[in-house]
């Protein structure tokens, strides 16, 4: 897994939105879905703490927390 600086992530998101094309909200949903798919396989039955900051990363976190909740995971969410 590669870890990118914040500026690079913003540039990658902007490029994807412009060239795929995909709406920003759908890109957030896609990111959250991919993470959720990994979590549900590996961490069923565990508690989660979701911290959601401002911006698109916060949107990703809120989407993920919604998916976790709807699928019976227990969690605490802080925004």
PDB file of N, CA and C in Angstrom:
ATOM      1  N   UNK A   1       0.849  -1.171   0.000  1.00  0.00           N
ATOM      2  CA  UNK A   1       0.000   0.000   0.000  1.00  0.00           C
ATOM      3  C   UNK A   1       0.893   1.231   0.000  1.00  0.00           C
ATOM      4  N   UNK A   2       0.560   2.164  -0.857  1.00  0.00           N
ATOM      5  CA  UNK A   2       1.308   3.410  -0.905  1.00  0.00           C
ATOM      6  C   UNK A   2       0.612   4.460  -0.047  1.00  0.00           C
ATOM      7  N   UNK A   3       1.405   5.278   0.620  1.00  0.00           N
ATOM      8  CA  UNK A   3       0.885   6.384   1.410  1.00  0.00           C
ATOM      9  C   UNK A   3       1.333   7.672   0.730  1.00  0.00           C
ATOM     10  N   UNK A   4       0.360   8.517   0.386  1.00  0.00           N
ATOM     11  CA  UNK A   4       0.634   9.751  -0.330  1.00  0.00           C
ATOM     12  C   UNK A   4       0.445  10.960   0.574  1.00  0.00           C
ATOM     13  N   UNK A   5       1.186  12.031   0.326  1.00  0.00           N
ATOM     14  CA  UNK A   5       0.954  13.286   1.049  1.00  0.00           C
ATOM     15  C   UNK A   5      -0.434  13.837   0.703  1.00  0.00           C
ATOM     16  N   UNK A   6      -0.969  14.656   1.585  1.00  0.00           N
ATOM     17  CA  UNK A   6      -2.319  15.207   1.418  1.00  0.00           C
ATOM     18  C   UNK A   6      -2.472  15.896   0.066  1.00  0.00           C
ATOM     19  N   UNK A   7      -1.493  16.690  -0.327  1.00  0.00           N
ATOM     20  CA  UNK A   7      -1.580  17.410  -1.600  1.00  0.00           C
ATOM     21  C   UNK A   7      -1.678  16.443  -2.782  1.00  0.00           C
ATOM     22  N   UNK A   8      -0.911  15.365  -2.733  1.00  0.00           N
ATOM     23  CA  UNK A   8      -0.939  14.381  -3.809  1.00  0.00           C
ATOM     24  C   UNK A   8      -2.298  13.680  -3.882  1.00  0.00           C
ATOM     25  N   UNK A   9      -2.877  13.375  -2.737  1.00  0.00           N
ATOM     26  CA  UNK A   9      -4.196  12.737  -2.712  1.00  0.00           C
ATOM     27  C   UNK A   9      -5.242  13.660  -3.325  1.00  0.00           C
ATOM     28  N   UNK A  10      -5.184  14.930  -2.996  1.00  0.00           N
ATOM     29  CA  UNK A  10      -6.126  15.897  -3.573  1.00  0.00           C
ATOM     30  C   UNK A  10      -5.969  15.959  -5.088  1.00  0.00           C
ATOM     31  N   UNK A  11      -4.730  15.924  -5.565  1.00  0.00           N
ATOM     32  CA  UNK A  11      -4.488  15.953  -7.008  1.00  0.00           C
ATOM     33  C   UNK A  11      -4.987  14.676  -7.683  1.00  0.00           C
ATOM     34  N   UNK A  12      -4.767  13.541  -7.046  1.00  0.00           N
ATOM     35  CA  UNK A  12      -5.241  12.261  -7.586  1.00  0.00           C
ATOM     36  C   UNK A  12      -6.763  12.246  -7.641  1.00  0.00           C
ATOM     37  N   UNK A  13      -7.413  12.699  -6.571  1.00  0.00           N
ATOM     38  CA  UNK A  13      -8.886  12.776  -6.548  1.00  0.00           C
ATOM     39  C   UNK A  13      -9.403  13.679  -7.659  1.00  0.00           C
ATOM     40  N   UNK A  14      -8.811  14.853  -7.808  1.00  0.00           N
ATOM     41  CA  UNK A  14      -9.247  15.805  -8.829  1.00  0.00           C
ATOM     42  C   UNK A  14      -9.073  15.211 -10.223  1.00  0.00           C
ATOM     43  N   UNK A  15      -7.956  14.558 -10.459  1.00  0.00           N
ATOM     44  CA  UNK A  15      -7.704  13.929 -11.757  1.00  0.00           C
ATOM     45  C   UNK A  15      -8.747  12.845 -12.044  1.00  0.00           C
ATOM     46  N   UNK A  16      -9.022  12.012 -11.046  1.00  0.00           N
ATOM     47  CA  UNK A  16      -9.988  10.930 -11.211  1.00  0.00           C
ATOM     48  C   UNK A  16     -11.374  11.480 -11.499  1.00  0.00           C
ATOM     49  N   UNK A  17     -11.797  12.486 -10.742  1.00  0.00           N
ATOM     50  CA  UNK A  17     -13.122  13.086 -10.923  1.00  0.00           C
ATOM     51  C   UNK A  17     -13.247  13.680 -12.328  1.00  0.00           C
ATOM     52  N   UNK A  18     -12.195  14.310 -12.792  1.00  0.00           N
ATOM     53  CA  UNK A  18     -12.236  14.964 -14.105  1.00  0.00           C
ATOM     54  C   UNK A  18     -12.157  13.965 -15.257  1.00  0.00           C
ATOM     55  N   UNK A  19     -11.378  12.912 -15.100  1.00  0.00           N
ATOM     56  CA  UNK A  19     -11.085  12.036 -16.228  1.00  0.00           C
ATOM     57  C   UNK A  19     -11.853  10.722 -16.258  1.00  0.00           C
ATOM     58  N   UNK A  20     -12.511  10.330 -15.169  1.00  0.00           N
ATOM     59  CA  UNK A  20     -13.178   9.035 -15.213  1.00  0.00           C
ATOM     60  C   UNK A  20     -14.515   9.084 -15.938  1.00  0.00           C
ATOM     61  N   UNK A  21     -15.410   9.923 -15.898  1.00  0.00           N
ATOM     62  CA  UNK A  21     -15.723  10.910 -14.858  1.00  0.00           C
ATOM     63  C   UNK A  21     -16.544  10.247 -13.740  1.00  0.00           C
ATOM     64  N   UNK A  22     -16.407  10.800 -12.559  1.00  0.00           N
ATOM     65  CA  UNK A  22     -17.149  10.321 -11.392  1.00  0.00           C
ATOM     66  C   UNK A  22     -17.384  11.514 -10.483  1.00  0.00           C
ATOM     67  N   UNK A  23     -18.534  11.550  -9.857  1.00  0.00           N
ATOM     68  CA  UNK A  23     -18.820  12.602  -8.887  1.00  0.00           C
ATOM     69  C   UNK A  23     -17.993  12.389  -7.627  1.00  0.00           C
ATOM     70  N   UNK A  24     -17.659  13.464  -6.966  1.00  0.00           N
ATOM     71  CA  UNK A  24     -16.876  13.397  -5.738  1.00  0.00           C
ATOM     72  C   UNK A  24     -17.532  12.488  -4.700  1.00  0.00           C
ATOM     73  N   UNK A  25     -18.838  12.616  -4.532  1.00  0.00           N
ATOM     74  CA  UNK A  25     -19.550  11.787  -3.549  1.00  0.00           C
ATOM     75  C   UNK A  25     -19.463  10.309  -3.916  1.00  0.00           C
ATOM     76  N   UNK A  26     -19.485   9.983  -5.182  1.00  0.00           N
ATOM     77  CA  UNK A  26     -19.367   8.588  -5.601  1.00  0.00           C
ATOM     78  C   UNK A  26     -17.955   8.051  -5.403  1.00  0.00           C
ATOM     79  N   UNK A  27     -16.962   8.925  -5.545  1.00  0.00           N
ATOM     80  CA  UNK A  27     -15.585   8.532  -5.273  1.00  0.00           C
ATOM     81  C   UNK A  27     -15.409   8.219  -3.788  1.00  0.00           C
ATOM     82  N   UNK A  28     -16.033   9.030  -2.926  1.00  0.00           N
ATOM     83  CA  UNK A  28     -15.988   8.759  -1.482  1.00  0.00           C
ATOM     84  C   UNK A  28     -16.660   7.427  -1.163  1.00  0.00           C
ATOM     85  N   UNK A  29     -17.806   7.186  -1.775  1.00  0.00           N
ATOM     86  CA  UNK A  29     -18.519   5.921  -1.552  1.00  0.00           C
ATOM     87  C   UNK A  29     -17.679   4.738  -2.017  1.00  0.00           C
ATOM     88  N   UNK A  30     -17.013   4.899  -3.141  1.00  0.00           N
ATOM     89  CA  UNK A  30     -16.169   3.820  -3.663  1.00  0.00           C
ATOM     90  C   UNK A  30     -15.033   3.506  -2.690  1.00  0.00           C
ATOM     91  N   UNK A  31     -14.373   4.547  -2.186  1.00  0.00           N
ATOM     92  CA  UNK A  31     -13.275   4.346  -1.234  1.00  0.00           C
ATOM     93  C   UNK A  31     -13.767   3.666   0.035  1.00  0.00           C
ATOM     94  N   UNK A  32     -14.902   4.128   0.555  1.00  0.00           N
ATOM     95  CA  UNK A  32     -15.458   3.542   1.772  1.00  0.00           C
ATOM     96  C   UNK A  32     -15.859   2.088   1.539  1.00  0.00           C
ATOM     97  N   UNK A  33     -16.426   1.793   0.382  1.00  0.00           N
ATOM     98  CA  UNK A  33     -16.858   0.422   0.067  1.00  0.00           C
ATOM     99  C   UNK A  33     -15.671  -0.521   0.021  1.00  0.00           C
ATOM    100  N   UNK A  34     -14.570  -0.088  -0.587  1.00  0.00           N
ATOM    101  CA  UNK A  34     -13.379  -0.950  -0.669  1.00  0.00           C
ATOM    102  C   UNK A  34     -12.831  -1.254   0.727  1.00  0.00           C
ATOM    103  N   UNK A  35     -12.798  -0.237   1.577  1.00  0.00           N
ATOM    104  CA  UNK A  35     -12.327  -0.450   2.940  1.00  0.00           C
ATOM    105  C   UNK A  35     -13.293  -1.333   3.708  1.00  0.00           C
ATOM    106  N   UNK A  36     -14.587  -1.080   3.565  1.00  0.00           N
ATOM    107  CA  UNK A  36     -15.587  -1.900   4.247  1.00  0.00           C
ATOM    108  C   UNK A  36     -15.463  -3.362   3.840  1.00  0.00           C
ATOM    109  N   UNK A  37     -15.264  -3.625   2.563  1.00  0.00           N
ATOM    110  CA  UNK A  37     -15.135  -5.014   2.094  1.00  0.00           C
ATOM    111  C   UNK A  37     -13.981  -5.726   2.787  1.00  0.00           C
ATOM    112  N   UNK A  38     -12.889  -5.011   3.031  1.00  0.00           N
ATOM    113  CA  UNK A  38     -11.757  -5.597   3.744  1.00  0.00           C
ATOM    114  C   UNK A  38     -12.070  -5.809   5.226  1.00  0.00           C
ATOM    115  N   UNK A  39     -12.737  -4.838   5.826  1.00  0.00           N
ATOM    116  CA  UNK A  39     -13.058  -4.915   7.251  1.00  0.00           C
ATOM    117  C   UNK A  39     -14.022  -6.053   7.549  1.00  0.00           C
ATOM    118  N   UNK A  40     -15.080  -6.185   6.755  1.00  0.00           N
ATOM    119  CA  UNK A  40     -16.100  -7.199   7.057  1.00  0.00           C
ATOM    120  C   UNK A  40     -15.525  -8.607   7.006  1.00  0.00           C
ATOM    121  N   UNK A  41     -14.524  -8.829   6.167  1.00  0.00           N
ATOM    122  CA  UNK A  41     -13.898 -10.147   6.070  1.00  0.00           C
ATOM    123  C   UNK A  41     -12.989 -10.440   7.263  1.00  0.00           C
ATOM    124  N   UNK A  42     -12.293  -9.433   7.729  1.00  0.00           N
ATOM    125  CA  UNK A  42     -11.227  -9.642   8.708  1.00  0.00           C
ATOM    126  C   UNK A  42     -11.605  -9.338  10.148  1.00  0.00           C
ATOM    127  N   UNK A  43     -12.579  -8.451  10.353  1.00  0.00           N
ATOM    128  CA  UNK A  43     -12.804  -7.947  11.701  1.00  0.00           C
ATOM    129  C   UNK A  43     -14.256  -8.071  12.166  1.00  0.00           C
ATOM    130  N   UNK A  44     -14.953  -9.055  11.695  1.00  0.00           N
ATOM    131  CA  UNK A  44     -16.349  -9.250  12.108  1.00  0.00           C
ATOM    132  C   UNK A  44     -16.425  -9.373  13.628  1.00  0.00           C
ATOM    133  N   UNK A  45     -17.428  -8.722  14.216  1.00  0.00           N
ATOM    134  CA  UNK A  45     -17.656  -8.818  15.647  1.00  0.00           C
ATOM    135  C   UNK A  45     -16.851  -7.859  16.502  1.00  0.00           C
ATOM    136  N   UNK A  46     -15.979  -7.078  15.916  1.00  0.00           N
ATOM    137  CA  UNK A  46     -15.172  -6.133  16.697  1.00  0.00           C
ATOM    138  C   UNK A  46     -15.831  -4.765  16.750  1.00  0.00           C
ATOM    139  N   UNK A  47     -15.492  -4.029  17.794  1.00  0.00           N
ATOM    140  CA  UNK A  47     -15.909  -2.635  17.933  1.00  0.00           C
ATOM    141  C   UNK A  47     -15.006  -1.761  17.082  1.00  0.00           C
ATOM    142  N   UNK A  48     -15.546  -0.638  16.619  1.00  0.00           N
ATOM    143  CA  UNK A  48     -14.755   0.317  15.854  1.00  0.00           C
ATOM    144  C   UNK A  48     -14.932   1.715  16.403  1.00  0.00           C
ATOM    145  N   UNK A  49     -13.874   2.480  16.296  1.00  0.00           N
ATOM    146  CA  UNK A  49     -13.895   3.903  16.592  1.00  0.00           C
ATOM    147  C   UNK A  49     -13.595   4.609  15.284  1.00  0.00           C
ATOM    148  N   UNK A  50     -14.528   5.432  14.812  1.00  0.00           N
ATOM    149  CA  UNK A  50     -14.348   6.147  13.551  1.00  0.00           C
ATOM    150  C   UNK A  50     -14.210   7.632  13.872  1.00  0.00           C
ATOM    151  N   UNK A  51     -13.081   8.200  13.482  1.00  0.00           N
ATOM    152  CA  UNK A  51     -12.823   9.620  13.670  1.00  0.00           C
ATOM    153  C   UNK A  51     -12.927  10.294  12.309  1.00  0.00           C
ATOM    154  N   UNK A  52     -13.845  11.243  12.176  1.00  0.00           N
ATOM    155  CA  UNK A  52     -14.078  11.908  10.894  1.00  0.00           C
ATOM    156  C   UNK A  52     -13.720  13.383  11.016  1.00  0.00           C
ATOM    157  N   UNK A  53     -12.703  13.775  10.288  1.00  0.00           N
ATOM    158  CA  UNK A  53     -12.298  15.174  10.258  1.00  0.00           C
ATOM    159  C   UNK A  53     -13.004  15.900   9.127  1.00  0.00           C
ATOM    160  N   UNK A  54     -12.566  17.104   8.837  1.00  0.00           N
ATOM    161  CA  UNK A  54     -13.189  17.877   7.757  1.00  0.00           C
ATOM    162  C   UNK A  54     -12.722  17.390   6.387  1.00  0.00           C
ATOM    163  N   UNK A  55     -13.438  17.768   5.373  1.00  0.00           N
ATOM    164  CA  UNK A  55     -13.029  17.482   4.005  1.00  0.00           C
ATOM    165  C   UNK A  55     -13.441  16.104   3.531  1.00  0.00           C
ATOM    166  N   UNK A  56     -12.869  15.722   2.389  1.00  0.00           N
ATOM    167  CA  UNK A  56     -13.257  14.460   1.770  1.00  0.00           C
ATOM    168  C   UNK A  56     -12.887  13.242   2.607  1.00  0.00           C
ATOM    169  N   UNK A  57     -11.786  13.298   3.326  1.00  0.00           N
ATOM    170  CA  UNK A  57     -11.444  12.158   4.177  1.00  0.00           C
ATOM    171  C   UNK A  57     -12.487  11.962   5.265  1.00  0.00           C
ATOM    172  N   UNK A  58     -13.027  13.051   5.773  1.00  0.00           N
ATOM    173  CA  UNK A  58     -14.125  12.954   6.728  1.00  0.00           C
ATOM    174  C   UNK A  58     -15.353  12.333   6.087  1.00  0.00           C
ATOM    175  N   UNK A  59     -15.601  12.680   4.827  1.00  0.00           N
ATOM    176  CA  UNK A  59     -16.712  12.072   4.086  1.00  0.00           C
ATOM    177  C   UNK A  59     -16.511  10.585   3.903  1.00  0.00           C
ATOM    178  N   UNK A  60     -15.281  10.176   3.615  1.00  0.00           N
ATOM    179  CA  UNK A  60     -14.965   8.744   3.513  1.00  0.00           C
ATOM    180  C   UNK A  60     -15.276   8.045   4.836  1.00  0.00           C
ATOM    181  N   UNK A  61     -14.853   8.666   5.940  1.00  0.00           N
ATOM    182  CA  UNK A  61     -15.066   8.070   7.267  1.00  0.00           C
ATOM    183  C   UNK A  61     -16.550   7.958   7.595  1.00  0.00           C
ATOM    184  N   UNK A  62     -17.332   8.976   7.249  1.00  0.00           N
ATOM    185  CA  UNK A  62     -18.776   8.915   7.516  1.00  0.00           C
ATOM    186  C   UNK A  62     -19.454   7.860   6.658  1.00  0.00           C
ATOM    187  N   UNK A  63     -19.043   7.731   5.413  1.00  0.00           N
ATOM    188  CA  UNK A  63     -19.590   6.681   4.550  1.00  0.00           C
ATOM    189  C   UNK A  63     -19.261   5.306   5.117  1.00  0.00           C
ATOM    190  N   UNK A  64     -18.012   5.127   5.543  1.00  0.00           N
ATOM    191  CA  UNK A  64     -17.613   3.853   6.130  1.00  0.00           C
ATOM    192  C   UNK A  64     -18.412   3.561   7.394  1.00  0.00           C
ATOM    193  N   UNK A  65     -18.580   4.556   8.251  1.00  0.00           N
ATOM    194  CA  UNK A  65     -19.314   4.316   9.498  1.00  0.00           C
ATOM    195  C   UNK A  65     -20.774   3.954   9.210  1.00  0.00           C
ATOM    196  N   UNK A  66     -21.371   4.551   8.180  1.00  0.00           N
ATOM    197  CA  UNK A  66     -22.730   4.181   7.786  1.00  0.00           C
ATOM    198  C   UNK A  66     -22.783   2.719   7.345  1.00  0.00           C
ATOM    199  N   UNK A  67     -21.824   2.304   6.522  1.00  0.00           N
ATOM    200  CA  UNK A  67     -21.791   0.921   6.045  1.00  0.00           C
ATOM    201  C   UNK A  67     -21.598  -0.059   7.198  1.00  0.00           C
ATOM    202  N   UNK A  68     -20.729   0.296   8.120  1.00  0.00           N
ATOM    203  CA  UNK A  68     -20.511  -0.561   9.293  1.00  0.00           C
ATOM    204  C   UNK A  68     -21.790  -0.695  10.107  1.00  0.00           C
ATOM    205  N   UNK A  69     -22.451   0.417  10.369  1.00  0.00           N
ATOM    206  CA  UNK A  69     -23.680   0.414  11.163  1.00  0.00           C
ATOM    207  C   UNK A  69     -24.769  -0.411  10.494  1.00  0.00           C
ATOM    208  N   UNK A  70     -24.957  -0.211   9.204  1.00  0.00           N
ATOM    209  CA  UNK A  70     -26.007  -0.930   8.470  1.00  0.00           C
ATOM    210  C   UNK A  70     -25.747  -2.424   8.387  1.00  0.00           C
ATOM    211  N   UNK A  71     -24.515  -2.824   8.631  1.00  0.00           N
ATOM    212  CA  UNK A  71     -24.170  -4.240   8.573  1.00  0.00           C
ATOM    213  C   UNK A  71     -23.910  -4.842   9.947  1.00  0.00           C
ATOM    214  N   UNK A  72     -24.409  -4.182  10.991  1.00  0.00           N
ATOM    215  CA  UNK A  72     -24.398  -4.762  12.328  1.00  0.00           C
ATOM    216  C   UNK A  72     -23.125  -4.594  13.131  1.00  0.00           C
ATOM    217  N   UNK A  73     -22.172  -3.820  12.635  1.00  0.00           N
ATOM    218  CA  UNK A  73     -20.963  -3.571  13.418  1.00  0.00           C
ATOM    219  C   UNK A  73     -21.266  -2.542  14.499  1.00  0.00           C
ATOM    220  N   UNK A  74     -20.604  -2.689  15.631  1.00  0.00           N
ATOM    221  CA  UNK A  74     -20.748  -1.722  16.721  1.00  0.00           C
ATOM    222  C   UNK A  74     -19.626  -0.705  16.596  1.00  0.00           C
ATOM    223  N   UNK A  75     -19.981   0.573  16.752  1.00  0.00           N
ATOM    224  CA  UNK A  75     -18.962   1.586  16.617  1.00  0.00           C
ATOM    225  C   UNK A  75     -19.326   2.849  17.366  1.00  0.00           C
ATOM    226  N   UNK A  76     -18.303   3.640  17.595  1.00  0.00           N
ATOM    227  CA  UNK A  76     -18.443   5.019  18.104  1.00  0.00           C
ATOM    228  C   UNK A  76     -17.895   5.907  17.012  1.00  0.00           C
ATOM    229  N   UNK A  77     -18.581   7.015  16.791  1.00  0.00           N
ATOM    230  CA  UNK A  77     -18.189   7.930  15.717  1.00  0.00           C
ATOM    231  C   UNK A  77     -18.019   9.316  16.318  1.00  0.00           C
ATOM    232  N   UNK A  78     -16.916   9.948  15.989  1.00  0.00           N
ATOM    233  CA  UNK A  78     -16.654  11.315  16.418  1.00  0.00           C
ATOM    234  C   UNK A  78     -16.352  12.152  15.192  1.00  0.00           C
ATOM    235  N   UNK A  79     -17.047  13.283  15.085  1.00  0.00           N
ATOM    236  CA  UNK A  79     -16.848  14.181  13.942  1.00  0.00           C
ATOM    237  C   UNK A  79     -16.304  15.507  14.422  1.00  0.00           C
TER     238      UNK A  79
END
